[in-house]
Amino acid sequence: MSRIKKISAIGTRGKAKGREFIAKPDSQNRFVLNKKKASTSKLNTNMAASKVYASTLDEAYRLLETDQYLINLVCPLGTRALRELAKVSVHY
């Protein structure tokens, strides 16, 4: 059973400013993370080849702790954001 109940962040700019972004499962009930890429990499961080899936928020958190991943978050308007561990709040 997952200990973590929610991973979230607050938008800081533009239309997203002040809105809460939350990690939500995809259509297959998995949380989506993206491998961080060096700026010299030919692969974009948000490409399918960079995606990694976690079955729970606890598993997603363990991946974020490695500092090699960003988690996909979404706000109620459907806007998406990628955030690293230092930029999210973890709720138990």
Protein backbone atom coordinates (compact mmCIF):
# COMPACT_ATOMS: atom_id res chain seq x y z
CA MET A 1 0.00 0.00 0.00
CA SER A 2 1.29 3.45 -0.93
CA ARG A 3 2.28 5.72 1.90
CA ILE A 4 2.40 8.78 -0.35
CA LYS A 5 -1.05 10.20 -1.05
CA LYS A 6 -0.13 13.05 -3.42
CA ILE A 7 2.82 14.65 -5.23
CA SER A 8 2.14 18.23 -6.29
CA ALA A 9 3.64 21.59 -7.22
CA ILE A 10 2.32 25.13 -7.59
CA GLY A 11 2.68 26.88 -10.95
CA THR A 12 4.93 29.93 -10.88
CA ARG A 13 4.45 31.72 -14.21
CA GLY A 14 1.83 32.83 -16.71
CA LYS A 15 -1.60 31.20 -16.68
CA ALA A 16 -0.24 28.42 -14.45
CA LYS A 17 0.79 30.83 -11.68
CA GLY A 18 -0.79 29.80 -8.38
CA ARG A 19 -2.46 26.67 -9.80
CA GLU A 20 -1.85 23.29 -8.22
CA PHE A 21 -0.32 20.64 -10.47
CA ILE A 22 -0.78 17.03 -9.29
CA ALA A 23 0.70 13.67 -10.32
CA LYS A 24 -2.22 11.77 -11.84
CA PRO A 25 -2.17 8.22 -13.20
CA ASP A 26 -2.41 7.72 -16.95
CA SER A 27 -5.09 5.66 -18.73
CA GLN A 28 -3.27 2.47 -17.67
CA ASN A 29 -3.18 3.62 -14.02
CA ARG A 30 0.58 4.38 -14.06
CA PHE A 31 2.42 7.54 -13.06
CA VAL A 32 4.60 8.94 -15.82
CA LEU A 33 8.14 10.19 -15.31
CA ASN A 34 10.70 11.36 -17.85
CA LYS A 35 14.44 10.73 -17.80
CA LYS A 36 16.40 13.96 -17.50
CA LYS A 37 18.48 14.65 -20.59
CA ALA A 38 21.61 16.74 -20.97
CA SER A 39 21.13 19.86 -23.02
CA THR A 40 23.47 18.34 -25.61
CA SER A 41 21.30 15.23 -25.96
CA LYS A 42 19.49 14.75 -29.27
CA LEU A 43 16.47 13.29 -27.46
CA ASN A 44 13.93 15.71 -26.00
CA THR A 45 13.03 15.04 -22.34
CA ASN A 46 9.35 14.69 -23.26
CA MET A 47 9.79 12.09 -26.03
CA ALA A 48 8.35 8.57 -25.66
CA ALA A 49 11.87 7.10 -25.46
CA SER A 50 12.43 9.13 -22.28
CA LYS A 51 9.29 7.97 -20.48
CA VAL A 52 9.36 5.68 -17.45
CA TYR A 53 6.28 4.36 -15.64
CA ALA A 54 5.68 3.83 -11.92
CA SER A 55 2.78 1.84 -10.52
CA THR A 56 2.60 3.84 -7.26
CA LEU A 57 3.51 7.30 -6.00
CA ASP A 58 6.04 5.65 -3.66
CA GLU A 59 7.78 4.09 -6.67
CA ALA A 60 7.67 7.44 -8.50
CA TYR A 61 9.20 9.13 -5.45
CA ARG A 62 12.06 6.59 -5.33
CA LEU A 63 12.83 7.38 -8.99
CA LEU A 64 12.73 11.13 -8.28
CA GLU A 65 15.20 10.63 -5.41
CA THR A 66 17.83 9.44 -7.90
CA ASP A 67 17.79 12.94 -9.48
CA GLN A 68 17.60 11.30 -12.91
CA TYR A 69 13.86 11.80 -13.47
CA LEU A 70 11.13 14.45 -13.70
CA ILE A 71 7.53 13.65 -12.81
CA ASN A 72 4.59 14.60 -15.02
CA LEU A 73 2.04 16.78 -13.21
CA VAL A 74 -1.27 18.18 -14.46
CA CYS A 75 -3.48 21.06 -13.31
CA PRO A 76 -7.31 21.13 -13.48
CA LEU A 77 -7.13 23.02 -16.82
CA GLY A 78 -5.20 20.10 -18.34
CA THR A 79 -1.88 21.97 -18.53
CA ARG A 80 1.07 19.67 -17.93
CA ALA A 81 4.38 20.28 -16.18
CA LEU A 82 7.55 18.30 -15.58
CA ARG A 83 9.10 18.77 -12.13
CA GLU A 84 12.14 17.44 -10.28
CA LEU A 85 12.02 16.33 -6.64
CA ALA A 86 13.29 19.67 -5.31
CA LYS A 87 10.29 21.45 -6.90
CA VAL A 88 7.46 19.22 -5.65
CA SER A 89 5.60 18.73 -2.37
CA VAL A 90 5.05 15.19 -1.13
CA HIS A 91 1.90 14.58 0.94
CA TYR A 92 1.53 11.55 3.23
